[in-house]
Amino acid sequence: MDNQKLKTELNNIKEIEQYIGKEIGVTDWFQITQDDINAFAKLTHDEQWIHTDIEKSKKYSPYKTTVAHGFFILSLSIKFIYETFNIKSVKMGVNYGLDRVRFMSPTFSGGYVRALISLVDAEINAESVKYKMSITFEQKGQEKPVCVAEFLAVGYE
């Protein structure tokens, strides 16, 4: 957890191969607020009390506080990738999918998370690149990651 903020910027898709197997991004810490959790709950229609009811969580939850949805944390992938990785020649990027997603520990309301991002693989085509990133979401003060996932995307020049 001692990693400092890291951002990787490439001029074009041909440069991506030299980063395969390397860490390409470490984000700043980002606070997960109860307002954000409530907004995500409302948007996704997952308003289970462990996410939204502070008093009930204090009484019945083993964590004694509300926790963020795993999919809320996972959805921060885009934010964190934008903050840490850029290919200047890419004009448009699209999500291609996810592999090996695991929610390993809870993210507490008010807690801080960040992402460590590594490039796993890349496949360059004529005007695009399909790439896979490994993303580890950490919560400040916790040893175990809250989420790990492989994120797949395609960037078009």
C-alpha atoms as a PDB file:
ATOM      1  CA  MET A   1       0.000   0.000   0.000  1.00  0.00           C
ATOM      2  CA  ASP A   2       2.993   2.331  -0.252  1.00  0.00           C
ATOM      3  CA  ASN A   3       2.609   2.963  -3.976  1.00  0.00           C
ATOM      4  CA  GLN A   4       2.576   6.594  -5.062  1.00  0.00           C
ATOM      5  CA  LYS A   5       0.266   7.953  -7.742  1.00  0.00           C
ATOM      6  CA  LEU A   6       1.268   6.712 -11.207  1.00  0.00           C
ATOM      7  CA  LYS A   7      -0.026   7.662 -14.650  1.00  0.00           C
ATOM      8  CA  THR A   8       1.053   6.181 -17.986  1.00  0.00           C
ATOM      9  CA  GLU A   9       0.595   8.143 -21.188  1.00  0.00           C
ATOM     10  CA  LEU A  10       1.340   6.724 -24.642  1.00  0.00           C
ATOM     11  CA  ASN A  11       1.521   8.555 -27.960  1.00  0.00           C
ATOM     12  CA  ASN A  12      -0.065   5.732 -29.983  1.00  0.00           C
ATOM     13  CA  ILE A  13      -1.275   2.138 -29.746  1.00  0.00           C
ATOM     14  CA  LYS A  14       2.046   0.706 -30.972  1.00  0.00           C
ATOM     15  CA  GLU A  15       3.693   1.769 -27.723  1.00  0.00           C
ATOM     16  CA  ILE A  16       1.395  -0.385 -25.577  1.00  0.00           C
ATOM     17  CA  GLU A  17       3.329  -3.653 -25.981  1.00  0.00           C
ATOM     18  CA  GLN A  18       6.266  -2.393 -23.899  1.00  0.00           C
ATOM     19  CA  TYR A  19       3.936  -2.076 -20.887  1.00  0.00           C
ATOM     20  CA  ILE A  20       2.553  -5.635 -20.896  1.00  0.00           C
ATOM     21  CA  GLY A  21       3.164  -7.180 -17.488  1.00  0.00           C
ATOM     22  CA  LYS A  22       3.855  -3.818 -15.848  1.00  0.00           C
ATOM     23  CA  GLU A  23       2.024  -1.584 -13.429  1.00  0.00           C
ATOM     24  CA  ILE A  24       0.648   1.355 -15.409  1.00  0.00           C
ATOM     25  CA  GLY A  25      -1.455   3.198 -12.863  1.00  0.00           C
ATOM     26  CA  VAL A  26      -1.977   3.971  -9.205  1.00  0.00           C
ATOM     27  CA  THR A  27      -4.791   6.386  -8.388  1.00  0.00           C
ATOM     28  CA  ASP A  28      -5.248   8.884  -5.614  1.00  0.00           C
ATOM     29  CA  TRP A  29      -7.472   7.824  -2.730  1.00  0.00           C
ATOM     30  CA  PHE A  30     -11.180   8.417  -3.399  1.00  0.00           C
ATOM     31  CA  GLN A  31     -13.739   8.697  -0.599  1.00  0.00           C
ATOM     32  CA  ILE A  32     -16.854   6.534  -0.766  1.00  0.00           C
ATOM     33  CA  THR A  33     -19.589   8.692   0.758  1.00  0.00           C
ATOM     34  CA  GLN A  34     -22.978   7.598   2.032  1.00  0.00           C
ATOM     35  CA  ASP A  35     -24.554   9.991  -0.487  1.00  0.00           C
ATOM     36  CA  ASP A  36     -22.746   8.169  -3.312  1.00  0.00           C
ATOM     37  CA  ILE A  37     -23.847   4.791  -1.947  1.00  0.00           C
ATOM     38  CA  ASN A  38     -27.459   5.981  -1.673  1.00  0.00           C
ATOM     39  CA  ALA A  39     -27.404   7.373  -5.224  1.00  0.00           C
ATOM     40  CA  PHE A  40     -26.042   4.073  -6.563  1.00  0.00           C
ATOM     41  CA  ALA A  41     -28.670   2.149  -4.570  1.00  0.00           C
ATOM     42  CA  LYS A  42     -31.469   4.243  -6.014  1.00  0.00           C
ATOM     43  CA  LEU A  43     -30.118   4.056  -9.563  1.00  0.00           C
ATOM     44  CA  THR A  44     -29.700   0.271  -9.486  1.00  0.00           C
ATOM     45  CA  HIS A  45     -32.785  -0.476  -7.346  1.00  0.00           C
ATOM     46  CA  ASP A  46     -30.582  -2.267  -4.819  1.00  0.00           C
ATOM     47  CA  GLU A  47     -31.615  -0.476  -1.648  1.00  0.00           C
ATOM     48  CA  GLN A  48     -30.838  -3.324   0.742  1.00  0.00           C
ATOM     49  CA  TRP A  49     -30.398  -2.016   4.292  1.00  0.00           C
ATOM     50  CA  ILE A  50     -26.710  -2.974   4.512  1.00  0.00           C
ATOM     51  CA  HIS A  51     -26.100  -0.175   1.998  1.00  0.00           C
ATOM     52  CA  THR A  52     -28.638   2.485   2.969  1.00  0.00           C
ATOM     53  CA  ASP A  53     -29.832   2.140   6.572  1.00  0.00           C
ATOM     54  CA  ILE A  54     -27.166   3.496   8.900  1.00  0.00           C
ATOM     55  CA  GLU A  55     -29.037   2.774  12.155  1.00  0.00           C
ATOM     56  CA  LYS A  56     -29.997  -0.780  11.192  1.00  0.00           C
ATOM     57  CA  SER A  57     -26.421  -1.425  10.042  1.00  0.00           C
ATOM     58  CA  LYS A  58     -25.057  -0.198  13.379  1.00  0.00           C
ATOM     59  CA  LYS A  59     -27.349  -2.655  15.152  1.00  0.00           C
ATOM     60  CA  TYR A  60     -27.346  -5.750  12.911  1.00  0.00           C
ATOM     61  CA  SER A  61     -24.406  -5.625  10.517  1.00  0.00           C
ATOM     62  CA  PRO A  62     -21.165  -7.346  11.536  1.00  0.00           C
ATOM     63  CA  TYR A  63     -19.418  -4.225  10.168  1.00  0.00           C
ATOM     64  CA  LYS A  64     -21.483  -1.805  12.342  1.00  0.00           C
ATOM     65  CA  THR A  65     -21.761   0.587   9.392  1.00  0.00           C
ATOM     66  CA  THR A  66     -23.189   0.653   5.892  1.00  0.00           C
ATOM     67  CA  VAL A  67     -21.129  -0.773   3.054  1.00  0.00           C
ATOM     68  CA  ALA A  68     -20.848   0.133  -0.603  1.00  0.00           C
ATOM     69  CA  HIS A  69     -22.202  -2.158  -3.293  1.00  0.00           C
ATOM     70  CA  GLY A  70     -19.512  -4.290  -4.889  1.00  0.00           C
ATOM     71  CA  PHE A  71     -20.730  -3.183  -8.302  1.00  0.00           C
ATOM     72  CA  PHE A  72     -20.400   0.459  -7.244  1.00  0.00           C
ATOM     73  CA  ILE A  73     -16.727  -0.102  -6.502  1.00  0.00           C
ATOM     74  CA  LEU A  74     -16.290  -2.026  -9.754  1.00  0.00           C
ATOM     75  CA  SER A  75     -17.975   0.800 -11.684  1.00  0.00           C
ATOM     76  CA  LEU A  76     -15.172   3.112 -10.545  1.00  0.00           C
ATOM     77  CA  SER A  77     -12.910   1.226 -12.972  1.00  0.00           C
ATOM     78  CA  ILE A  78     -13.639   3.782 -15.684  1.00  0.00           C
ATOM     79  CA  LYS A  79     -12.879   6.761 -13.429  1.00  0.00           C
ATOM     80  CA  PHE A  80      -9.639   5.210 -12.266  1.00  0.00           C
ATOM     81  CA  ILE A  81      -8.514   4.141 -15.743  1.00  0.00           C
ATOM     82  CA  TYR A  82      -9.161   7.661 -17.080  1.00  0.00           C
ATOM     83  CA  GLU A  83      -7.024   9.041 -14.250  1.00  0.00           C
ATOM     84  CA  THR A  84      -4.090   6.721 -14.849  1.00  0.00           C
ATOM     85  CA  PHE A  85      -3.870   5.597 -18.484  1.00  0.00           C
ATOM     86  CA  ASN A  86      -4.098   7.456 -21.768  1.00  0.00           C
ATOM     87  CA  ILE A  87      -3.221   6.692 -25.374  1.00  0.00           C
ATOM     88  CA  LYS A  88      -3.120  10.094 -27.080  1.00  0.00           C
ATOM     89  CA  SER A  89      -3.950   8.766 -30.565  1.00  0.00           C
ATOM     90  CA  VAL A  90      -7.076   6.913 -29.390  1.00  0.00           C
ATOM     91  CA  LYS A  91     -10.196   8.841 -30.342  1.00  0.00           C
ATOM     92  CA  MET A  92     -12.756   6.460 -28.834  1.00  0.00           C
ATOM     93  CA  GLY A  93     -12.689   3.613 -26.349  1.00  0.00           C
ATOM     94  CA  VAL A  94     -15.321   1.005 -25.499  1.00  0.00           C
ATOM     95  CA  ASN A  95     -15.751  -1.545 -22.741  1.00  0.00           C
ATOM     96  CA  TYR A  96     -15.205  -5.075 -24.021  1.00  0.00           C
ATOM     97  CA  GLY A  97     -15.898  -7.001 -20.841  1.00  0.00           C
ATOM     98  CA  LEU A  98     -14.664  -8.233 -17.490  1.00  0.00           C
ATOM     99  CA  ASP A  99     -12.875 -11.382 -16.379  1.00  0.00           C
ATOM    100  CA  ARG A 100     -12.112 -12.810 -12.954  1.00  0.00           C
ATOM    101  CA  VAL A 101     -14.131 -10.357 -10.881  1.00  0.00           C
ATOM    102  CA  ARG A 102     -14.060 -10.996  -7.146  1.00  0.00           C
ATOM    103  CA  PHE A 103     -15.440  -8.916  -4.269  1.00  0.00           C
ATOM    104  CA  MET A 104     -13.040  -9.844  -1.495  1.00  0.00           C
ATOM    105  CA  SER A 105     -13.947  -7.563   1.399  1.00  0.00           C
ATOM    106  CA  PRO A 106     -16.463  -4.812   2.186  1.00  0.00           C
ATOM    107  CA  THR A 107     -15.961  -1.143   1.398  1.00  0.00           C
ATOM    108  CA  PHE A 108     -17.181   0.923   4.325  1.00  0.00           C
ATOM    109  CA  SER A 109     -19.166   4.123   3.978  1.00  0.00           C
ATOM    110  CA  GLY A 110     -16.748   6.997   4.495  1.00  0.00           C
ATOM    111  CA  GLY A 111     -13.783   4.828   3.559  1.00  0.00           C
ATOM    112  CA  TYR A 112     -11.205   5.619   0.913  1.00  0.00           C
ATOM    113  CA  VAL A 113     -10.402   3.396  -2.057  1.00  0.00           C
ATOM    114  CA  ARG A 114      -7.844   3.518  -4.828  1.00  0.00           C
ATOM    115  CA  ALA A 115      -6.855   1.316  -7.733  1.00  0.00           C
ATOM    116  CA  LEU A 116      -3.605  -0.320  -8.749  1.00  0.00           C
ATOM    117  CA  ILE A 117      -3.699  -1.061 -12.466  1.00  0.00           C
ATOM    118  CA  SER A 118      -1.433  -3.334 -14.519  1.00  0.00           C
ATOM    119  CA  LEU A 119      -1.493  -4.136 -18.218  1.00  0.00           C
ATOM    120  CA  VAL A 120      -2.015  -7.881 -18.668  1.00  0.00           C
ATOM    121  CA  ASP A 121      -2.210  -8.187 -22.457  1.00  0.00           C
ATOM    122  CA  ALA A 122      -2.704  -6.188 -25.646  1.00  0.00           C
ATOM    123  CA  GLU A 123      -3.631  -7.099 -29.216  1.00  0.00           C
ATOM    124  CA  ILE A 124      -2.908  -4.428 -31.817  1.00  0.00           C
ATOM    125  CA  ASN A 125      -4.939  -4.346 -35.034  1.00  0.00           C
ATOM    126  CA  ALA A 126      -4.853  -1.936 -37.989  1.00  0.00           C
ATOM    127  CA  GLU A 127      -6.640   0.954 -36.262  1.00  0.00           C
ATOM    128  CA  SER A 128      -7.395  -0.373 -32.791  1.00  0.00           C
ATOM    129  CA  VAL A 129      -6.002  -2.096 -29.753  1.00  0.00           C
ATOM    130  CA  LYS A 130      -7.795  -4.588 -27.508  1.00  0.00           C
ATOM    131  CA  TYR A 131      -6.237  -4.703 -24.079  1.00  0.00           C
ATOM    132  CA  LYS A 132      -6.712  -6.316 -20.689  1.00  0.00           C
ATOM    133  CA  MET A 133      -5.906  -4.588 -17.415  1.00  0.00           C
ATOM    134  CA  SER A 134      -5.734  -6.064 -13.950  1.00  0.00           C
ATOM    135  CA  ILE A 135      -7.352  -3.739 -11.406  1.00  0.00           C
ATOM    136  CA  THR A 136      -6.933  -4.141  -7.662  1.00  0.00           C
ATOM    137  CA  PHE A 137      -9.138  -1.913  -5.512  1.00  0.00           C
ATOM    138  CA  GLU A 138      -7.655  -1.204  -2.097  1.00  0.00           C
ATOM    139  CA  GLN A 139      -9.335   0.383   0.928  1.00  0.00           C
ATOM    140  CA  LYS A 140      -7.174   2.629   3.079  1.00  0.00           C
ATOM    141  CA  GLY A 141      -6.285   0.906   6.338  1.00  0.00           C
ATOM    142  CA  GLN A 142      -7.232  -2.587   5.117  1.00  0.00           C
ATOM    143  CA  GLU A 143      -4.756  -5.231   3.974  1.00  0.00           C
ATOM    144  CA  LYS A 144      -7.153  -7.291   1.873  1.00  0.00           C
ATOM    145  CA  PRO A 145      -8.309  -5.775  -1.448  1.00  0.00           C
ATOM    146  CA  VAL A 146     -12.004  -4.951  -1.693  1.00  0.00           C
ATOM    147  CA  CYS A 147     -12.214  -6.037  -5.329  1.00  0.00           C
ATOM    148  CA  VAL A 148     -10.020  -7.487  -8.051  1.00  0.00           C
ATOM    149  CA  ALA A 149     -10.959  -7.671 -11.706  1.00  0.00           C
ATOM    150  CA  GLU A 150      -9.609  -7.919 -15.211  1.00  0.00           C
ATOM    151  CA  PHE A 151     -11.012  -5.123 -17.356  1.00  0.00           C
ATOM    152  CA  LEU A 152     -11.075  -5.476 -21.149  1.00  0.00           C
ATOM    153  CA  ALA A 153     -11.351  -2.518 -23.505  1.00  0.00           C
ATOM    154  CA  VAL A 154     -10.844  -1.564 -27.138  1.00  0.00           C
ATOM    155  CA  GLY A 155      -9.321   1.742 -28.175  1.00  0.00           C
ATOM    156  CA  TYR A 156      -9.811   3.063 -31.723  1.00  0.00           C
ATOM    157  CA  GLU A 157      -7.439   5.475 -33.475  1.00  0.00           C
END
